[in-house]
Amino acid sequence: MKVQEIMERSGIGETGRAIMYIKDALEEINLISETHTKTIRIDLEKDKRFYILPLEIIKILDIRCKNHDNSENAYRSIPRTIYEPETKDTDGC
């Protein structure tokens, strides 16, 4: 289906607006279906708290790390927190 056909069916007269709606719809479909997933590995550094994430990230599905005592090479998922942490942030961030 071409953009012109979508514009005729939806009653939109401006091409720019139609293309914007189409791009928004494709992005929402991508959020729901998770078709373009990519694994990114970032090494942890001592005394570094914040890391720069790639700009193309839309949704983070899972964050995993190795077992804290390194007795096993198994990765475990870090659970997502829903509530505010009980311990206050000393850095104020």
PDB file of N, CA and C in Angstrom:
ATOM      1  N   MET A   1       0.848  -1.173   0.000  1.00  0.00           N
ATOM      2  CA  MET A   1       0.000   0.000   0.000  1.00  0.00           C
ATOM      3  C   MET A   1       0.897   1.241   0.000  1.00  0.00           C
ATOM      4  N   LYS A   2       0.530   2.185  -0.816  1.00  0.00           N
ATOM      5  CA  LYS A   2       1.301   3.416  -0.928  1.00  0.00           C
ATOM      6  C   LYS A   2       0.744   4.475   0.012  1.00  0.00           C
ATOM      7  N   VAL A   3       1.564   5.510   0.259  1.00  0.00           N
ATOM      8  CA  VAL A   3       1.166   6.593   1.160  1.00  0.00           C
ATOM      9  C   VAL A   3      -0.094   7.282   0.638  1.00  0.00           C
ATOM     10  N   GLN A   4      -0.188   7.431  -0.676  1.00  0.00           N
ATOM     11  CA  GLN A   4      -1.357   8.088  -1.268  1.00  0.00           C
ATOM     12  C   GLN A   4      -2.639   7.306  -0.959  1.00  0.00           C
ATOM     13  N   GLU A   5      -2.565   5.979  -0.999  1.00  0.00           N
ATOM     14  CA  GLU A   5      -3.741   5.155  -0.711  1.00  0.00           C
ATOM     15  C   GLU A   5      -4.140   5.288   0.759  1.00  0.00           C
ATOM     16  N   ILE A   6      -3.163   5.321   1.642  1.00  0.00           N
ATOM     17  CA  ILE A   6      -3.453   5.489   3.069  1.00  0.00           C
ATOM     18  C   ILE A   6      -4.085   6.854   3.314  1.00  0.00           C
ATOM     19  N   MET A   7      -3.573   7.886   2.633  1.00  0.00           N
ATOM     20  CA  MET A   7      -4.127   9.228   2.790  1.00  0.00           C
ATOM     21  C   MET A   7      -5.587   9.276   2.314  1.00  0.00           C
ATOM     22  N   GLU A   8      -5.888   8.611   1.212  1.00  0.00           N
ATOM     23  CA  GLU A   8      -7.255   8.605   0.687  1.00  0.00           C
ATOM     24  C   GLU A   8      -8.203   7.863   1.621  1.00  0.00           C
ATOM     25  N   ARG A   9      -7.760   6.730   2.150  1.00  0.00           N
ATOM     26  CA  ARG A   9      -8.626   5.936   3.040  1.00  0.00           C
ATOM     27  C   ARG A   9      -8.875   6.622   4.376  1.00  0.00           C
ATOM     28  N   SER A  10      -7.874   7.334   4.879  1.00  0.00           N
ATOM     29  CA  SER A  10      -8.021   7.965   6.193  1.00  0.00           C
ATOM     30  C   SER A  10      -8.534   9.396   6.107  1.00  0.00           C
ATOM     31  N   GLY A  11      -8.566   9.976   4.906  1.00  0.00           N
ATOM     32  CA  GLY A  11      -9.079  11.335   4.741  1.00  0.00           C
ATOM     33  C   GLY A  11      -8.079  12.415   5.124  1.00  0.00           C
ATOM     34  N   ILE A  12      -6.804  12.093   5.100  1.00  0.00           N
ATOM     35  CA  ILE A  12      -5.757  13.074   5.422  1.00  0.00           C
ATOM     36  C   ILE A  12      -5.307  13.732   4.124  1.00  0.00           C
ATOM     37  N   GLY A  13      -5.270  15.071   4.110  1.00  0.00           N
ATOM     38  CA  GLY A  13      -4.910  15.792   2.896  1.00  0.00           C
ATOM     39  C   GLY A  13      -3.455  16.211   2.828  1.00  0.00           C
ATOM     40  N   GLU A  14      -2.741  16.134   3.949  1.00  0.00           N
ATOM     41  CA  GLU A  14      -1.340  16.596   3.971  1.00  0.00           C
ATOM     42  C   GLU A  14      -0.391  15.404   4.029  1.00  0.00           C
ATOM     43  N   THR A  15       0.548  15.374   3.087  1.00  0.00           N
ATOM     44  CA  THR A  15       1.482  14.256   2.993  1.00  0.00           C
ATOM     45  C   THR A  15       2.383  14.159   4.221  1.00  0.00           C
ATOM     46  N   GLY A  16       2.885  15.285   4.696  1.00  0.00           N
ATOM     47  CA  GLY A  16       3.775  15.289   5.859  1.00  0.00           C
ATOM     48  C   GLY A  16       3.113  14.702   7.090  1.00  0.00           C
ATOM     49  N   ARG A  17       1.869  15.071   7.314  1.00  0.00           N
ATOM     50  CA  ARG A  17       1.129  14.554   8.471  1.00  0.00           C
ATOM     51  C   ARG A  17       0.885  13.048   8.330  1.00  0.00           C
ATOM     52  N   ALA A  18       0.568  12.601   7.124  1.00  0.00           N
ATOM     53  CA  ALA A  18       0.334  11.171   6.896  1.00  0.00           C
ATOM     54  C   ALA A  18       1.602  10.368   7.160  1.00  0.00           C
ATOM     55  N   ILE A  19       2.730  10.854   6.685  1.00  0.00           N
ATOM     56  CA  ILE A  19       4.002  10.156   6.908  1.00  0.00           C
ATOM     57  C   ILE A  19       4.337  10.128   8.387  1.00  0.00           C
ATOM     58  N   MET A  20       4.060  11.208   9.103  1.00  0.00           N
ATOM     59  CA  MET A  20       4.306  11.248  10.543  1.00  0.00           C
ATOM     60  C   MET A  20       3.456  10.199  11.255  1.00  0.00           C
ATOM     61  N   TYR A  21       2.178  10.089  10.880  1.00  0.00           N
ATOM     62  CA  TYR A  21       1.300   9.083  11.482  1.00  0.00           C
ATOM     63  C   TYR A  21       1.789   7.669  11.176  1.00  0.00           C
ATOM     64  N   ILE A  22       2.241   7.449   9.956  1.00  0.00           N
ATOM     65  CA  ILE A  22       2.728   6.120   9.571  1.00  0.00           C
ATOM     66  C   ILE A  22       3.972   5.753  10.385  1.00  0.00           C
ATOM     67  N   LYS A  23       4.895   6.695  10.539  1.00  0.00           N
ATOM     68  CA  LYS A  23       6.101   6.432  11.329  1.00  0.00           C
ATOM     69  C   LYS A  23       5.761   6.166  12.790  1.00  0.00           C
ATOM     70  N   ASP A  24       4.825   6.926  13.346  1.00  0.00           N
ATOM     71  CA  ASP A  24       4.392   6.696  14.725  1.00  0.00           C
ATOM     72  C   ASP A  24       3.769   5.309  14.883  1.00  0.00           C
ATOM     73  N   ALA A  25       2.961   4.921  13.907  1.00  0.00           N
ATOM     74  CA  ALA A  25       2.315   3.607  13.967  1.00  0.00           C
ATOM     75  C   ALA A  25       3.347   2.489  13.895  1.00  0.00           C
ATOM     76  N   LEU A  26       4.329   2.628  13.030  1.00  0.00           N
ATOM     77  CA  LEU A  26       5.375   1.605  12.912  1.00  0.00           C
ATOM     78  C   LEU A  26       6.186   1.497  14.198  1.00  0.00           C
ATOM     79  N   GLU A  27       6.451   2.624  14.848  1.00  0.00           N
ATOM     80  CA  GLU A  27       7.184   2.599  16.110  1.00  0.00           C
ATOM     81  C   GLU A  27       6.368   1.907  17.206  1.00  0.00           C
ATOM     82  N   GLU A  28       5.062   2.153  17.243  1.00  0.00           N
ATOM     83  CA  GLU A  28       4.211   1.490  18.229  1.00  0.00           C
ATOM     84  C   GLU A  28       4.119  -0.015  17.962  1.00  0.00           C
ATOM     85  N   ILE A  29       4.053  -0.400  16.707  1.00  0.00           N
ATOM     86  CA  ILE A  29       4.048  -1.822  16.369  1.00  0.00           C
ATOM     87  C   ILE A  29       5.348  -2.468  16.829  1.00  0.00           C
ATOM     88  N   ASN A  30       6.454  -1.782  16.648  1.00  0.00           N
ATOM     89  CA  ASN A  30       7.749  -2.298  17.072  1.00  0.00           C
ATOM     90  C   ASN A  30       7.813  -2.448  18.589  1.00  0.00           C
ATOM     91  N   LEU A  31       7.200  -1.528  19.329  1.00  0.00           N
ATOM     92  CA  LEU A  31       7.172  -1.634  20.788  1.00  0.00           C
ATOM     93  C   LEU A  31       6.405  -2.863  21.244  1.00  0.00           C
ATOM     94  N   ILE A  32       5.307  -3.146  20.567  1.00  0.00           N
ATOM     95  CA  ILE A  32       4.448  -4.255  20.968  1.00  0.00           C
ATOM     96  C   ILE A  32       5.036  -5.606  20.546  1.00  0.00           C
ATOM     97  N   SER A  33       5.511  -5.705  19.322  1.00  0.00           N
ATOM     98  CA  SER A  33       5.910  -6.998  18.780  1.00  0.00           C
ATOM     99  C   SER A  33       7.360  -7.371  19.072  1.00  0.00           C
ATOM    100  N   GLU A  34       8.203  -6.432  19.405  1.00  0.00           N
ATOM    101  CA  GLU A  34       9.614  -6.676  19.712  1.00  0.00           C
ATOM    102  C   GLU A  34      10.298  -7.461  18.595  1.00  0.00           C
ATOM    103  N   THR A  35      10.192  -6.966  17.377  1.00  0.00           N
ATOM    104  CA  THR A  35      10.766  -7.663  16.233  1.00  0.00           C
ATOM    105  C   THR A  35      12.250  -7.384  16.043  1.00  0.00           C
ATOM    106  N   HIS A  36      12.695  -6.210  16.399  1.00  0.00           N
ATOM    107  CA  HIS A  36      14.090  -5.835  16.188  1.00  0.00           C
ATOM    108  C   HIS A  36      14.801  -5.743  17.539  1.00  0.00           C
ATOM    109  N   THR A  37      15.108  -6.888  18.116  1.00  0.00           N
ATOM    110  CA  THR A  37      15.805  -6.881  19.391  1.00  0.00           C
ATOM    111  C   THR A  37      17.297  -7.059  19.147  1.00  0.00           C
ATOM    112  N   LYS A  38      18.082  -6.437  19.979  1.00  0.00           N
ATOM    113  CA  LYS A  38      19.529  -6.484  19.843  1.00  0.00           C
ATOM    114  C   LYS A  38      20.129  -6.648  21.240  1.00  0.00           C
ATOM    115  N   THR A  39      21.156  -7.471  21.356  1.00  0.00           N
ATOM    116  CA  THR A  39      21.842  -7.660  22.624  1.00  0.00           C
ATOM    117  C   THR A  39      23.060  -6.754  22.653  1.00  0.00           C
ATOM    118  N   ILE A  40      23.151  -5.959  23.699  1.00  0.00           N
ATOM    119  CA  ILE A  40      24.292  -5.060  23.870  1.00  0.00           C
ATOM    120  C   ILE A  40      24.960  -5.408  25.190  1.00  0.00           C
ATOM    121  N   ARG A  41      26.261  -5.562  25.154  1.00  0.00           N
ATOM    122  CA  ARG A  41      27.008  -5.870  26.373  1.00  0.00           C
ATOM    123  C   ARG A  41      27.836  -4.654  26.772  1.00  0.00           C
ATOM    124  N   ILE A  42      27.715  -4.274  28.026  1.00  0.00           N
ATOM    125  CA  ILE A  42      28.474  -3.153  28.574  1.00  0.00           C
ATOM    126  C   ILE A  42      29.219  -3.671  29.793  1.00  0.00           C
ATOM    127  N   ASP A  43      30.533  -3.533  29.791  1.00  0.00           N
ATOM    128  CA  ASP A  43      31.324  -3.979  30.932  1.00  0.00           C
ATOM    129  C   ASP A  43      31.208  -2.970  32.071  1.00  0.00           C
ATOM    130  N   LEU A  44      31.086  -3.484  33.269  1.00  0.00           N
ATOM    131  CA  LEU A  44      31.028  -2.628  34.444  1.00  0.00           C
ATOM    132  C   LEU A  44      32.432  -2.159  34.804  1.00  0.00           C
ATOM    133  N   GLU A  45      32.528  -0.940  35.260  1.00  0.00           N
ATOM    134  CA  GLU A  45      33.803  -0.368  35.658  1.00  0.00           C
ATOM    135  C   GLU A  45      33.753   0.009  37.129  1.00  0.00           C
ATOM    136  N   LYS A  46      34.881  -0.138  37.788  1.00  0.00           N
ATOM    137  CA  LYS A  46      34.949   0.168  39.205  1.00  0.00           C
ATOM    138  C   LYS A  46      34.689   1.660  39.433  1.00  0.00           C
ATOM    139  N   ASP A  47      33.882   1.970  40.442  1.00  0.00           N
ATOM    140  CA  ASP A  47      33.539   3.327  40.859  1.00  0.00           C
ATOM    141  C   ASP A  47      32.836   4.134  39.764  1.00  0.00           C
ATOM    142  N   LYS A  48      32.204   3.473  38.819  1.00  0.00           N
ATOM    143  CA  LYS A  48      31.422   4.168  37.794  1.00  0.00           C
ATOM    144  C   LYS A  48      29.962   3.821  38.020  1.00  0.00           C
ATOM    145  N   ARG A  49      29.140   4.837  38.129  1.00  0.00           N
ATOM    146  CA  ARG A  49      27.741   4.618  38.466  1.00  0.00           C
ATOM    147  C   ARG A  49      26.806   4.753  37.266  1.00  0.00           C
ATOM    148  N   PHE A  50      27.051   5.711  36.402  1.00  0.00           N
ATOM    149  CA  PHE A  50      26.172   5.965  35.264  1.00  0.00           C
ATOM    150  C   PHE A  50      26.879   5.558  33.978  1.00  0.00           C
ATOM    151  N   TYR A  51      26.128   4.941  33.080  1.00  0.00           N
ATOM    152  CA  TYR A  51      26.659   4.484  31.807  1.00  0.00           C
ATOM    153  C   TYR A  51      25.852   5.101  30.685  1.00  0.00           C
ATOM    154  N   ILE A  52      26.495   5.347  29.566  1.00  0.00           N
ATOM    155  CA  ILE A  52      25.821   5.932  28.403  1.00  0.00           C
ATOM    156  C   ILE A  52      25.220   4.792  27.583  1.00  0.00           C
ATOM    157  N   LEU A  53      23.916   4.863  27.345  1.00  0.00           N
ATOM    158  CA  LEU A  53      23.218   3.862  26.552  1.00  0.00           C
ATOM    159  C   LEU A  53      23.066   4.368  25.122  1.00  0.00           C
ATOM    160  N   PRO A  54      23.020   3.471  24.146  1.00  0.00           N
ATOM    161  CA  PRO A  54      22.839   3.892  22.755  1.00  0.00           C
ATOM    162  C   PRO A  54      21.528   4.660  22.564  1.00  0.00           C
ATOM    163  N   LEU A  55      21.522   5.613  21.654  1.00  0.00           N
ATOM    164  CA  LEU A  55      20.356   6.463  21.426  1.00  0.00           C
ATOM    165  C   LEU A  55      19.181   5.719  20.799  1.00  0.00           C
ATOM    166  N   GLU A  56      19.437   4.619  20.087  1.00  0.00           N
ATOM    167  CA  GLU A  56      18.352   3.923  19.404  1.00  0.00           C
ATOM    168  C   GLU A  56      17.545   3.008  20.320  1.00  0.00           C
ATOM    169  N   ILE A  57      17.870   2.962  21.595  1.00  0.00           N
ATOM    170  CA  ILE A  57      17.114   2.124  22.522  1.00  0.00           C
ATOM    171  C   ILE A  57      15.706   2.685  22.700  1.00  0.00           C
ATOM    172  N   ILE A  58      14.726   1.813  22.522  1.00  0.00           N
ATOM    173  CA  ILE A  58      13.335   2.186  22.744  1.00  0.00           C
ATOM    174  C   ILE A  58      12.833   1.564  24.038  1.00  0.00           C
ATOM    175  N   LYS A  59      13.223   0.321  24.271  1.00  0.00           N
ATOM    176  CA  LYS A  59      12.728  -0.408  25.431  1.00  0.00           C
ATOM    177  C   LYS A  59      13.806  -1.396  25.891  1.00  0.00           C
ATOM    178  N   ILE A  60      14.064  -1.438  27.180  1.00  0.00           N
ATOM    179  CA  ILE A  60      15.014  -2.391  27.736  1.00  0.00           C
ATOM    180  C   ILE A  60      14.215  -3.596  28.224  1.00  0.00           C
ATOM    181  N   LEU A  61      14.530  -4.767  27.680  1.00  0.00           N
ATOM    182  CA  LEU A  61      13.782  -5.969  28.015  1.00  0.00           C
ATOM    183  C   LEU A  61      14.332  -6.663  29.256  1.00  0.00           C
ATOM    184  N   ASP A  62      15.648  -6.689  29.413  1.00  0.00           N
ATOM    185  CA  ASP A  62      16.242  -7.426  30.521  1.00  0.00           C
ATOM    186  C   ASP A  62      17.653  -6.918  30.769  1.00  0.00           C
ATOM    187  N   ILE A  63      18.043  -6.895  32.034  1.00  0.00           N
ATOM    188  CA  ILE A  63      19.420  -6.573  32.415  1.00  0.00           C
ATOM    189  C   ILE A  63      19.916  -7.739  33.251  1.00  0.00           C
ATOM    190  N   ARG A  64      21.043  -8.303  32.839  1.00  0.00           N
ATOM    191  CA  ARG A  64      21.591  -9.460  33.546  1.00  0.00           C
ATOM    192  C   ARG A  64      23.037  -9.202  33.932  1.00  0.00           C
ATOM    193  N   CYS A  65      23.457  -9.863  35.007  1.00  0.00           N
ATOM    194  CA  CYS A  65      24.850  -9.777  35.441  1.00  0.00           C
ATOM    195  C   CYS A  65      25.285 -11.141  35.951  1.00  0.00           C
ATOM    196  N   LYS A  66      26.610 -11.327  36.035  1.00  0.00           N
ATOM    197  CA  LYS A  66      27.134 -12.586  36.552  1.00  0.00           C
ATOM    198  C   LYS A  66      26.880 -12.671  38.040  1.00  0.00           C
ATOM    199  N   ASN A  67      26.908 -13.871  38.542  1.00  0.00           N
ATOM    200  CA  ASN A  67      26.749 -14.114  39.965  1.00  0.00           C
ATOM    201  C   ASN A  67      27.769 -13.277  40.731  1.00  0.00           C
ATOM    202  N   HIS A  68      27.366 -12.664  41.831  1.00  0.00           N
ATOM    203  CA  HIS A  68      28.226 -11.713  42.527  1.00  0.00           C
ATOM    204  C   HIS A  68      29.496 -12.337  43.091  1.00  0.00           C
ATOM    205  N   ASP A  69      29.485 -13.611  43.416  1.00  0.00           N
ATOM    206  CA  ASP A  69      30.708 -14.220  43.952  1.00  0.00           C
ATOM    207  C   ASP A  69      31.519 -14.929  42.862  1.00  0.00           C
ATOM    208  N   ASN A  70      31.054 -14.882  41.600  1.00  0.00           N
ATOM    209  CA  ASN A  70      31.734 -15.459  40.435  1.00  0.00           C
ATOM    210  C   ASN A  70      32.086 -16.934  40.598  1.00  0.00           C
ATOM    211  N   SER A  71      31.356 -17.647  41.463  1.00  0.00           N
ATOM    212  CA  SER A  71      31.588 -19.081  41.584  1.00  0.00           C
ATOM    213  C   SER A  71      31.027 -19.822  40.367  1.00  0.00           C
ATOM    214  N   GLU A  72      30.056 -19.221  39.729  1.00  0.00           N
ATOM    215  CA  GLU A  72      29.469 -19.802  38.522  1.00  0.00           C
ATOM    216  C   GLU A  72      29.522 -18.754  37.421  1.00  0.00           C
ATOM    217  N   ASN A  73      29.544 -19.201  36.195  1.00  0.00           N
ATOM    218  CA  ASN A  73      29.511 -18.266  35.073  1.00  0.00           C
ATOM    219  C   ASN A  73      28.087 -18.021  34.597  1.00  0.00           C
ATOM    220  N   ALA A  74      27.121 -18.249  35.454  1.00  0.00           N
ATOM    221  CA  ALA A  74      25.721 -18.071  35.084  1.00  0.00           C
ATOM    222  C   ALA A  74      25.316 -16.612  35.249  1.00  0.00           C
ATOM    223  N   TYR A  75      24.549 -16.119  34.290  1.00  0.00           N
ATOM    224  CA  TYR A  75      24.017 -14.765  34.363  1.00  0.00           C
ATOM    225  C   TYR A  75      22.637 -14.822  34.997  1.00  0.00           C
ATOM    226  N   ARG A  76      22.325 -13.829  35.814  1.00  0.00           N
ATOM    227  CA  ARG A  76      21.008 -13.734  36.447  1.00  0.00           C
ATOM    228  C   ARG A  76      20.390 -12.378  36.126  1.00  0.00           C
ATOM    229  N   SER A  77      19.084 -12.384  35.963  1.00  0.00           N
ATOM    230  CA  SER A  77      18.380 -11.132  35.695  1.00  0.00           C
ATOM    231  C   SER A  77      18.310 -10.291  36.956  1.00  0.00           C
ATOM    232  N   ILE A  78      18.466  -8.996  36.785  1.00  0.00           N
ATOM    233  CA  ILE A  78      18.316  -8.057  37.890  1.00  0.00           C
ATOM    234  C   ILE A  78      16.845  -7.674  37.931  1.00  0.00           C
ATOM    235  N   PRO A  79      16.168  -7.898  39.059  1.00  0.00           N
ATOM    236  CA  PRO A  79      14.738  -7.579  39.104  1.00  0.00           C
ATOM    237  C   PRO A  79      14.492  -6.073  39.017  1.00  0.00           C
ATOM    238  N   ARG A  80      13.400  -5.737  38.390  1.00  0.00           N
ATOM    239  CA  ARG A  80      13.017  -4.338  38.236  1.00  0.00           C
ATOM    240  C   ARG A  80      12.314  -3.870  39.503  1.00  0.00           C
ATOM    241  N   THR A  81      12.671  -2.702  39.974  1.00  0.00           N
ATOM    242  CA  THR A  81      12.016  -2.171  41.160  1.00  0.00           C
ATOM    243  C   THR A  81      10.793  -1.357  40.747  1.00  0.00           C
ATOM    244  N   ILE A  82       9.710  -1.559  41.451  1.00  0.00           N
ATOM    245  CA  ILE A  82       8.472  -0.844  41.157  1.00  0.00           C
ATOM    246  C   ILE A  82       8.315   0.364  42.074  1.00  0.00           C
ATOM    247  N   TYR A  83       8.753   0.212  43.301  1.00  0.00           N
ATOM    248  CA  TYR A  83       8.591   1.265  44.293  1.00  0.00           C
ATOM    249  C   TYR A  83       9.896   2.024  44.497  1.00  0.00           C
ATOM    250  N   GLU A  84       9.805   3.167  45.138  1.00  0.00           N
ATOM    251  CA  GLU A  84      10.996   3.934  45.474  1.00  0.00           C
ATOM    252  C   GLU A  84      11.888   3.115  46.401  1.00  0.00           C
ATOM    253  N   PRO A  85      13.208   3.149  46.219  1.00  0.00           N
ATOM    254  CA  PRO A  85      14.079   2.382  47.105  1.00  0.00           C
ATOM    255  C   PRO A  85      14.032   2.921  48.531  1.00  0.00           C
ATOM    256  N   GLU A  86      14.184   2.001  49.499  1.00  0.00           N
ATOM    257  CA  GLU A  86      14.146   2.408  50.907  1.00  0.00           C
ATOM    258  C   GLU A  86      15.379   3.216  51.282  1.00  0.00           C
ATOM    259  N   THR A  87      16.536   2.871  50.713  1.00  0.00           N
ATOM    260  CA  THR A  87      17.775   3.587  50.997  1.00  0.00           C
ATOM    261  C   THR A  87      17.840   4.822  50.118  1.00  0.00           C
ATOM    262  N   LYS A  88      18.040   5.977  50.717  1.00  0.00           N
ATOM    263  CA  LYS A  88      18.104   7.221  49.941  1.00  0.00           C
ATOM    264  C   LYS A  88      19.426   7.315  49.193  1.00  0.00           C
ATOM    265  N   ASP A  89      19.402   7.999  48.077  1.00  0.00           N
ATOM    266  CA  ASP A  89      20.567   8.190  47.242  1.00  0.00           C
ATOM    267  C   ASP A  89      21.451   9.275  47.841  1.00  0.00           C
ATOM    268  N   THR A  90      22.694   8.951  48.138  1.00  0.00           N
ATOM    269  CA  THR A  90      23.591   9.930  48.747  1.00  0.00           C
ATOM    270  C   THR A  90      24.101  10.958  47.750  1.00  0.00           C
ATOM    271  N   ASP A  91      24.066  10.587  46.454  1.00  0.00           N
ATOM    272  CA  ASP A  91      24.528  11.535  45.426  1.00  0.00           C
ATOM    273  C   ASP A  91      23.466  12.565  45.066  1.00  0.00           C
ATOM    274  N   GLY A  92      22.244  12.309  45.451  1.00  0.00           N
ATOM    275  CA  GLY A  92      21.170  13.257  45.134  1.00  0.00           C
ATOM    276  C   GLY A  92      20.658  13.145  43.722  1.00  0.00           C
ATOM    277  N   CYS A  93      20.993  12.067  42.998  1.00  0.00           N
ATOM    278  CA  CYS A  93      20.547  11.908  41.620  1.00  0.00           C
ATOM    279  C   CYS A  93      19.282  11.091  41.549  1.00  0.00           C
TER     280      CYS A  93
END
